[in-house]
């Protein structure tokens, strides 16, 4: 009986520390591999950076595109810069 209680306590304490992941794993990712390992006409949108995407595309095949599901403001792309005011 003592073994069961210890095992149950250990299991509960282990599971209590398991969360749903860190904040970076949430939300849509800005880069996708198109026509890669999942086959033609597929998107694998699991990459935060273009470099991550291209590194994976080398092994998975396909090519990287911006995620069509999110806007450019969410991708972290630079906005159009205005010229500095003249003095």
C-alpha atoms as a PDB file:
ATOM      1  CA  UNK A   1       0.000   0.000   0.000  1.00  0.00           C
ATOM      2  CA  UNK A   2       2.823   2.352   0.833  1.00  0.00           C
ATOM      3  CA  UNK A   3       4.342   1.800  -2.639  1.00  0.00           C
ATOM      4  CA  UNK A   4       1.058   2.773  -4.307  1.00  0.00           C
ATOM      5  CA  UNK A   5       0.827   6.002  -2.303  1.00  0.00           C
ATOM      6  CA  UNK A   6       4.421   6.929  -3.127  1.00  0.00           C
ATOM      7  CA  UNK A   7       3.904   6.130  -6.827  1.00  0.00           C
ATOM      8  CA  UNK A   8       0.669   8.133  -6.956  1.00  0.00           C
ATOM      9  CA  UNK A   9       2.287  11.108  -5.235  1.00  0.00           C
ATOM     10  CA  UNK A  10       5.224  10.996  -7.625  1.00  0.00           C
ATOM     11  CA  UNK A  11       2.915  10.786 -10.644  1.00  0.00           C
ATOM     12  CA  UNK A  12       0.783  13.738  -9.503  1.00  0.00           C
ATOM     13  CA  UNK A  13       3.795  15.910  -8.718  1.00  0.00           C
ATOM     14  CA  UNK A  14       5.358  15.081 -12.092  1.00  0.00           C
ATOM     15  CA  UNK A  15       2.180  15.895 -14.014  1.00  0.00           C
ATOM     16  CA  UNK A  16       1.635  19.102 -12.074  1.00  0.00           C
ATOM     17  CA  UNK A  17       4.835  20.514 -13.556  1.00  0.00           C
ATOM     18  CA  UNK A  18       3.799  19.810 -17.135  1.00  0.00           C
ATOM     19  CA  UNK A  19       2.309  22.867 -18.780  1.00  0.00           C
ATOM     20  CA  UNK A  20       1.013  23.546 -22.253  1.00  0.00           C
ATOM     21  CA  UNK A  21       4.402  24.811 -23.418  1.00  0.00           C
ATOM     22  CA  UNK A  22       6.083  28.155 -23.354  1.00  0.00           C
ATOM     23  CA  UNK A  23       4.729  31.309 -24.919  1.00  0.00           C
ATOM     24  CA  UNK A  24       6.810  30.891 -28.063  1.00  0.00           C
ATOM     25  CA  UNK A  25       4.972  27.725 -28.985  1.00  0.00           C
ATOM     26  CA  UNK A  26       1.617  29.493 -29.173  1.00  0.00           C
ATOM     27  CA  UNK A  27       0.083  31.168 -32.161  1.00  0.00           C
ATOM     28  CA  UNK A  28       0.719  30.906 -35.880  1.00  0.00           C
ATOM     29  CA  UNK A  29       4.299  30.834 -37.072  1.00  0.00           C
ATOM     30  CA  UNK A  30       5.341  33.296 -39.795  1.00  0.00           C
ATOM     31  CA  UNK A  31       7.199  30.893 -42.116  1.00  0.00           C
ATOM     32  CA  UNK A  32       6.044  27.773 -43.985  1.00  0.00           C
ATOM     33  CA  UNK A  33       7.620  25.069 -46.117  1.00  0.00           C
ATOM     34  CA  UNK A  34       5.513  24.630 -49.244  1.00  0.00           C
ATOM     35  CA  UNK A  35       5.500  21.294 -51.097  1.00  0.00           C
ATOM     36  CA  UNK A  36       7.889  19.717 -48.597  1.00  0.00           C
ATOM     37  CA  UNK A  37       7.840  16.394 -46.743  1.00  0.00           C
ATOM     38  CA  UNK A  38       4.030  16.452 -46.434  1.00  0.00           C
ATOM     39  CA  UNK A  39       3.688  16.302 -50.231  1.00  0.00           C
ATOM     40  CA  UNK A  40       2.593  18.578 -53.045  1.00  0.00           C
ATOM     41  CA  UNK A  41       0.198  21.433 -52.299  1.00  0.00           C
ATOM     42  CA  UNK A  42       0.902  21.297 -48.543  1.00  0.00           C
ATOM     43  CA  UNK A  43       2.165  23.839 -46.049  1.00  0.00           C
ATOM     44  CA  UNK A  44       4.206  23.139 -42.923  1.00  0.00           C
ATOM     45  CA  UNK A  45       3.885  26.401 -40.992  1.00  0.00           C
ATOM     46  CA  UNK A  46       5.965  25.577 -37.922  1.00  0.00           C
ATOM     47  CA  UNK A  47       8.902  27.969 -38.242  1.00  0.00           C
ATOM     48  CA  UNK A  48       9.567  31.210 -36.364  1.00  0.00           C
ATOM     49  CA  UNK A  49      12.428  32.380 -38.591  1.00  0.00           C
ATOM     50  CA  UNK A  50      13.275  32.204 -42.267  1.00  0.00           C
ATOM     51  CA  UNK A  51      16.570  30.510 -41.362  1.00  0.00           C
ATOM     52  CA  UNK A  52      14.757  27.749 -39.453  1.00  0.00           C
ATOM     53  CA  UNK A  53      12.524  27.262 -42.458  1.00  0.00           C
ATOM     54  CA  UNK A  54      15.313  27.128 -45.040  1.00  0.00           C
ATOM     55  CA  UNK A  55      17.412  24.789 -42.887  1.00  0.00           C
ATOM     56  CA  UNK A  56      14.464  22.398 -42.622  1.00  0.00           C
ATOM     57  CA  UNK A  57      13.551  22.773 -46.290  1.00  0.00           C
ATOM     58  CA  UNK A  58      17.008  21.539 -47.247  1.00  0.00           C
ATOM     59  CA  UNK A  59      16.175  18.201 -45.643  1.00  0.00           C
ATOM     60  CA  UNK A  60      12.434  18.118 -46.269  1.00  0.00           C
ATOM     61  CA  UNK A  61      12.439  19.470 -49.802  1.00  0.00           C
ATOM     62  CA  UNK A  62      10.134  22.244 -50.892  1.00  0.00           C
ATOM     63  CA  UNK A  63      10.682  25.950 -50.402  1.00  0.00           C
ATOM     64  CA  UNK A  64       9.897  28.601 -47.800  1.00  0.00           C
ATOM     65  CA  UNK A  65       7.076  31.104 -48.048  1.00  0.00           C
ATOM     66  CA  UNK A  66       5.548  33.577 -45.635  1.00  0.00           C
ATOM     67  CA  UNK A  67       2.562  32.149 -43.791  1.00  0.00           C
ATOM     68  CA  UNK A  68      -0.499  33.222 -45.783  1.00  0.00           C
ATOM     69  CA  UNK A  69      -2.688  33.036 -42.659  1.00  0.00           C
ATOM     70  CA  UNK A  70      -1.098  35.984 -40.873  1.00  0.00           C
ATOM     71  CA  UNK A  71      -0.529  39.583 -41.875  1.00  0.00           C
ATOM     72  CA  UNK A  72       2.857  41.169 -42.477  1.00  0.00           C
ATOM     73  CA  UNK A  73       2.542  43.131 -39.226  1.00  0.00           C
ATOM     74  CA  UNK A  74       2.613  39.844 -37.289  1.00  0.00           C
ATOM     75  CA  UNK A  75       5.631  38.552 -39.238  1.00  0.00           C
ATOM     76  CA  UNK A  76       7.965  41.154 -37.793  1.00  0.00           C
ATOM     77  CA  UNK A  77       8.798  42.602 -41.173  1.00  0.00           C
ATOM     78  CA  UNK A  78      10.130  46.138 -41.219  1.00  0.00           C
ATOM     79  CA  UNK A  79       7.569  48.764 -42.016  1.00  0.00           C
ATOM     80  CA  UNK A  80       8.163  51.333 -44.740  1.00  0.00           C
ATOM     81  CA  UNK A  81      10.544  53.920 -43.367  1.00  0.00           C
ATOM     82  CA  UNK A  82       9.800  57.578 -43.827  1.00  0.00           C
ATOM     83  CA  UNK A  83      12.657  59.870 -44.750  1.00  0.00           C
ATOM     84  CA  UNK A  84      14.097  61.859 -41.890  1.00  0.00           C
ATOM     85  CA  UNK A  85      12.732  65.401 -41.666  1.00  0.00           C
ATOM     86  CA  UNK A  86      15.044  68.008 -43.161  1.00  0.00           C
ATOM     87  CA  UNK A  87      16.453  70.642 -40.857  1.00  0.00           C
END
